[in-house]
């Protein structure tokens, strides 16, 4: 079940496709790749109605950073039932209005209310560190180098 803007909170996990996010003129990214596969994304920050998201993956690579599974709450589904969470790439970030992400969740997101998987505050802090180290978008860092997805 998709989330609504009223359901939004930092740390929540929702499913999107990169292609669908890139279609919105309201979502910014520096991700140049295309991907039509629905993937879980974690919201790692919010600032004045703008939410910040990065995708998770099950594909292990020694260069990718992980978040200890102990930070995951309400793990469900095949993807979330596996080991530690793997951040695809901290540079691969998306930012935009909460309402736009809520609308984009309508196509692929299947979680309901309090049963939605999410990260603890400590897990969110780990994701923020990964994003910062890789040069991804964080509140206060969005500038002209971070283009709107549809314009990229």
C-alpha atoms as a PDB file:
ATOM      1  CA  UNK A   1       0.000   0.000   0.000  1.00  0.00           C
ATOM      2  CA  UNK A   2       1.503   3.349  -0.933  1.00  0.00           C
ATOM      3  CA  UNK A   3       2.195   5.860   1.784  1.00  0.00           C
ATOM      4  CA  UNK A   4       0.600   9.275   2.081  1.00  0.00           C
ATOM      5  CA  UNK A   5       2.394  12.484   3.053  1.00  0.00           C
ATOM      6  CA  UNK A   6       0.800  12.122   6.501  1.00  0.00           C
ATOM      7  CA  UNK A   7       2.362   8.635   6.878  1.00  0.00           C
ATOM      8  CA  UNK A   8       5.877   9.872   6.024  1.00  0.00           C
ATOM      9  CA  UNK A   9       8.797   9.603   8.474  1.00  0.00           C
ATOM     10  CA  UNK A  10      12.579   9.521   8.189  1.00  0.00           C
ATOM     11  CA  UNK A  11      13.854   5.948   8.201  1.00  0.00           C
ATOM     12  CA  UNK A  12      10.893   4.490   6.314  1.00  0.00           C
ATOM     13  CA  UNK A  13      11.463   2.072   3.449  1.00  0.00           C
ATOM     14  CA  UNK A  14       9.347   2.280   0.286  1.00  0.00           C
ATOM     15  CA  UNK A  15       9.571   0.779  -3.199  1.00  0.00           C
ATOM     16  CA  UNK A  16      10.216   2.873  -6.314  1.00  0.00           C
ATOM     17  CA  UNK A  17      11.965   2.459  -9.652  1.00  0.00           C
ATOM     18  CA  UNK A  18      14.824   4.734 -10.643  1.00  0.00           C
ATOM     19  CA  UNK A  19      13.133   5.377 -13.991  1.00  0.00           C
ATOM     20  CA  UNK A  20       9.881   6.438 -12.333  1.00  0.00           C
ATOM     21  CA  UNK A  21      11.672   8.823  -9.966  1.00  0.00           C
ATOM     22  CA  UNK A  22      13.671  10.289 -12.829  1.00  0.00           C
ATOM     23  CA  UNK A  23      10.442  11.067 -14.729  1.00  0.00           C
ATOM     24  CA  UNK A  24       9.338  13.580 -12.112  1.00  0.00           C
ATOM     25  CA  UNK A  25      10.424  17.148 -12.710  1.00  0.00           C
ATOM     26  CA  UNK A  26      10.213  17.709  -8.945  1.00  0.00           C
ATOM     27  CA  UNK A  27      12.782  15.078  -7.939  1.00  0.00           C
ATOM     28  CA  UNK A  28      16.499  15.891  -8.063  1.00  0.00           C
ATOM     29  CA  UNK A  29      19.257  13.345  -8.487  1.00  0.00           C
ATOM     30  CA  UNK A  30      22.824  13.008  -9.684  1.00  0.00           C
ATOM     31  CA  UNK A  31      22.145   9.408 -10.688  1.00  0.00           C
ATOM     32  CA  UNK A  32      22.645   9.026 -14.436  1.00  0.00           C
ATOM     33  CA  UNK A  33      21.575   5.378 -14.621  1.00  0.00           C
ATOM     34  CA  UNK A  34      18.270   3.944 -15.793  1.00  0.00           C
ATOM     35  CA  UNK A  35      16.597   1.066 -13.984  1.00  0.00           C
ATOM     36  CA  UNK A  36      13.019  -0.166 -14.299  1.00  0.00           C
ATOM     37  CA  UNK A  37      13.203  -2.762 -11.506  1.00  0.00           C
ATOM     38  CA  UNK A  38      11.235  -1.874  -8.349  1.00  0.00           C
ATOM     39  CA  UNK A  39      13.702  -1.459  -5.501  1.00  0.00           C
ATOM     40  CA  UNK A  40      13.505  -0.608  -1.826  1.00  0.00           C
ATOM     41  CA  UNK A  41      14.622   2.923  -0.982  1.00  0.00           C
ATOM     42  CA  UNK A  42      15.253   4.263   2.503  1.00  0.00           C
ATOM     43  CA  UNK A  43      14.481   7.840   3.468  1.00  0.00           C
ATOM     44  CA  UNK A  44      17.519   9.109   5.353  1.00  0.00           C
ATOM     45  CA  UNK A  45      16.656  12.802   5.831  1.00  0.00           C
ATOM     46  CA  UNK A  46      13.952  15.449   5.639  1.00  0.00           C
ATOM     47  CA  UNK A  47      14.236  19.214   5.576  1.00  0.00           C
ATOM     48  CA  UNK A  48      11.376  21.684   5.107  1.00  0.00           C
ATOM     49  CA  UNK A  49       9.149  19.249   3.229  1.00  0.00           C
ATOM     50  CA  UNK A  50      11.971  17.811   1.099  1.00  0.00           C
ATOM     51  CA  UNK A  51      12.765  14.130   1.587  1.00  0.00           C
ATOM     52  CA  UNK A  52      16.069  12.405   0.757  1.00  0.00           C
ATOM     53  CA  UNK A  53      16.218   8.762  -0.391  1.00  0.00           C
ATOM     54  CA  UNK A  54      18.801   6.174  -1.452  1.00  0.00           C
ATOM     55  CA  UNK A  55      18.204   2.646  -2.808  1.00  0.00           C
ATOM     56  CA  UNK A  56      19.073  -0.577  -1.039  1.00  0.00           C
ATOM     57  CA  UNK A  57      20.206  -3.744  -2.804  1.00  0.00           C
ATOM     58  CA  UNK A  58      20.738  -7.455  -2.180  1.00  0.00           C
ATOM     59  CA  UNK A  59      23.788  -7.586  -4.447  1.00  0.00           C
ATOM     60  CA  UNK A  60      26.889  -7.818  -2.319  1.00  0.00           C
ATOM     61  CA  UNK A  61      30.050  -6.067  -3.430  1.00  0.00           C
ATOM     62  CA  UNK A  62      32.993  -5.475  -1.104  1.00  0.00           C
ATOM     63  CA  UNK A  63      32.961  -1.790  -2.094  1.00  0.00           C
ATOM     64  CA  UNK A  64      29.333  -1.323  -0.998  1.00  0.00           C
ATOM     65  CA  UNK A  65      28.544  -0.313   2.569  1.00  0.00           C
ATOM     66  CA  UNK A  66      26.136  -2.167   4.808  1.00  0.00           C
ATOM     67  CA  UNK A  67      23.797  -1.238   7.634  1.00  0.00           C
ATOM     68  CA  UNK A  68      23.592  -3.785  10.433  1.00  0.00           C
ATOM     69  CA  UNK A  69      20.271  -5.623  10.334  1.00  0.00           C
ATOM     70  CA  UNK A  70      19.792  -4.859  14.051  1.00  0.00           C
ATOM     71  CA  UNK A  71      18.696  -1.353  12.949  1.00  0.00           C
ATOM     72  CA  UNK A  72      15.855  -2.722  10.798  1.00  0.00           C
ATOM     73  CA  UNK A  73      12.356  -2.717  12.289  1.00  0.00           C
ATOM     74  CA  UNK A  74       9.410  -4.753  10.921  1.00  0.00           C
ATOM     75  CA  UNK A  75      11.469  -6.772   8.431  1.00  0.00           C
ATOM     76  CA  UNK A  76       9.158  -8.490   5.956  1.00  0.00           C
ATOM     77  CA  UNK A  77       9.423  -9.897   2.478  1.00  0.00           C
ATOM     78  CA  UNK A  78      12.224 -11.752   0.768  1.00  0.00           C
ATOM     79  CA  UNK A  79      14.508  -8.739   0.394  1.00  0.00           C
ATOM     80  CA  UNK A  80      14.205  -7.570   3.975  1.00  0.00           C
ATOM     81  CA  UNK A  81      14.433 -11.063   5.459  1.00  0.00           C
ATOM     82  CA  UNK A  82      18.036 -11.433   4.261  1.00  0.00           C
ATOM     83  CA  UNK A  83      21.238 -10.352   6.022  1.00  0.00           C
ATOM     84  CA  UNK A  84      22.513  -6.830   6.593  1.00  0.00           C
ATOM     85  CA  UNK A  85      21.091  -4.062   4.437  1.00  0.00           C
ATOM     86  CA  UNK A  86      23.331  -2.982   1.575  1.00  0.00           C
ATOM     87  CA  UNK A  87      23.317   0.622   0.392  1.00  0.00           C
ATOM     88  CA  UNK A  88      23.664   0.554  -3.406  1.00  0.00           C
ATOM     89  CA  UNK A  89      25.834   3.675  -3.495  1.00  0.00           C
ATOM     90  CA  UNK A  90      25.710   6.679  -1.167  1.00  0.00           C
ATOM     91  CA  UNK A  91      26.182   8.918  -4.206  1.00  0.00           C
ATOM     92  CA  UNK A  92      22.964   7.524  -5.695  1.00  0.00           C
ATOM     93  CA  UNK A  93      20.474   9.798  -3.930  1.00  0.00           C
ATOM     94  CA  UNK A  94      17.134  11.365  -4.765  1.00  0.00           C
ATOM     95  CA  UNK A  95      15.555  14.447  -3.183  1.00  0.00           C
ATOM     96  CA  UNK A  96      12.192  16.104  -3.578  1.00  0.00           C
ATOM     97  CA  UNK A  97       8.881  16.957  -1.974  1.00  0.00           C
ATOM     98  CA  UNK A  98       7.403  14.333   0.324  1.00  0.00           C
ATOM     99  CA  UNK A  99       4.123  14.539  -1.623  1.00  0.00           C
ATOM    100  CA  UNK A 100       5.851  13.592  -4.870  1.00  0.00           C
ATOM    101  CA  UNK A 101       7.523  10.523  -3.341  1.00  0.00           C
ATOM    102  CA  UNK A 102       4.193   9.526  -1.767  1.00  0.00           C
ATOM    103  CA  UNK A 103       2.526   9.724  -5.179  1.00  0.00           C
ATOM    104  CA  UNK A 104       5.376   7.769  -6.830  1.00  0.00           C
ATOM    105  CA  UNK A 105       4.979   5.015  -4.196  1.00  0.00           C
ATOM    106  CA  UNK A 106       1.512   4.172  -5.525  1.00  0.00           C
ATOM    107  CA  UNK A 107       2.771   1.885  -8.252  1.00  0.00           C
ATOM    108  CA  UNK A 108       5.112  -0.483  -6.371  1.00  0.00           C
ATOM    109  CA  UNK A 109       4.895   0.019  -2.622  1.00  0.00           C
ATOM    110  CA  UNK A 110       3.076  -2.761  -0.742  1.00  0.00           C
ATOM    111  CA  UNK A 111       3.609  -1.962   2.938  1.00  0.00           C
ATOM    112  CA  UNK A 112       0.868  -0.908   5.335  1.00  0.00           C
ATOM    113  CA  UNK A 113       1.019   1.621   8.171  1.00  0.00           C
ATOM    114  CA  UNK A 114       2.865   0.521  11.293  1.00  0.00           C
ATOM    115  CA  UNK A 115       4.004  -2.702   9.573  1.00  0.00           C
ATOM    116  CA  UNK A 116       6.171  -0.718   7.150  1.00  0.00           C
ATOM    117  CA  UNK A 117       9.867  -1.646   7.454  1.00  0.00           C
ATOM    118  CA  UNK A 118      12.040   1.179   8.705  1.00  0.00           C
ATOM    119  CA  UNK A 119      15.443   1.923  10.176  1.00  0.00           C
ATOM    120  CA  UNK A 120      16.096   2.971  13.746  1.00  0.00           C
ATOM    121  CA  UNK A 121      17.583   6.455  14.274  1.00  0.00           C
ATOM    122  CA  UNK A 122      21.025   4.820  14.608  1.00  0.00           C
ATOM    123  CA  UNK A 123      20.542   3.059  11.259  1.00  0.00           C
ATOM    124  CA  UNK A 124      19.484   6.331   9.631  1.00  0.00           C
ATOM    125  CA  UNK A 125      22.642   7.982  11.005  1.00  0.00           C
ATOM    126  CA  UNK A 126      24.734   5.224   9.405  1.00  0.00           C
ATOM    127  CA  UNK A 127      23.045   5.810   6.033  1.00  0.00           C
ATOM    128  CA  UNK A 128      23.686   9.560   6.353  1.00  0.00           C
ATOM    129  CA  UNK A 129      27.399   8.881   6.954  1.00  0.00           C
ATOM    130  CA  UNK A 130      27.565   6.652   3.864  1.00  0.00           C
ATOM    131  CA  UNK A 131      25.853   9.336   1.762  1.00  0.00           C
ATOM    132  CA  UNK A 132      28.133  12.070   3.118  1.00  0.00           C
ATOM    133  CA  UNK A 133      31.317  10.095   2.421  1.00  0.00           C
ATOM    134  CA  UNK A 134      30.212   9.330  -1.159  1.00  0.00           C
ATOM    135  CA  UNK A 135      29.114  12.907  -1.872  1.00  0.00           C
ATOM    136  CA  UNK A 136      25.388  12.235  -2.186  1.00  0.00           C
ATOM    137  CA  UNK A 137      22.720  14.825  -1.510  1.00  0.00           C
ATOM    138  CA  UNK A 138      22.050  15.825   2.085  1.00  0.00           C
ATOM    139  CA  UNK A 139      19.963  18.708   3.419  1.00  0.00           C
ATOM    140  CA  UNK A 140      21.926  21.902   2.878  1.00  0.00           C
ATOM    141  CA  UNK A 141      24.054  20.428   0.064  1.00  0.00           C
ATOM    142  CA  UNK A 142      21.568  20.564  -2.804  1.00  0.00           C
ATOM    143  CA  UNK A 143      22.886  23.056  -5.352  1.00  0.00           C
ATOM    144  CA  UNK A 144      23.276  23.507  -9.072  1.00  0.00           C
ATOM    145  CA  UNK A 145      25.300  20.306  -9.495  1.00  0.00           C
ATOM    146  CA  UNK A 146      22.278  18.277  -8.356  1.00  0.00           C
ATOM    147  CA  UNK A 147      19.946  18.433 -11.328  1.00  0.00           C
ATOM    148  CA  UNK A 148      16.281  17.584 -11.546  1.00  0.00           C
ATOM    149  CA  UNK A 149      15.986  13.952 -12.585  1.00  0.00           C
ATOM    150  CA  UNK A 150      13.858  14.611 -15.637  1.00  0.00           C
ATOM    151  CA  UNK A 151      16.364  17.154 -16.937  1.00  0.00           C
ATOM    152  CA  UNK A 152      19.317  14.785 -16.592  1.00  0.00           C
END
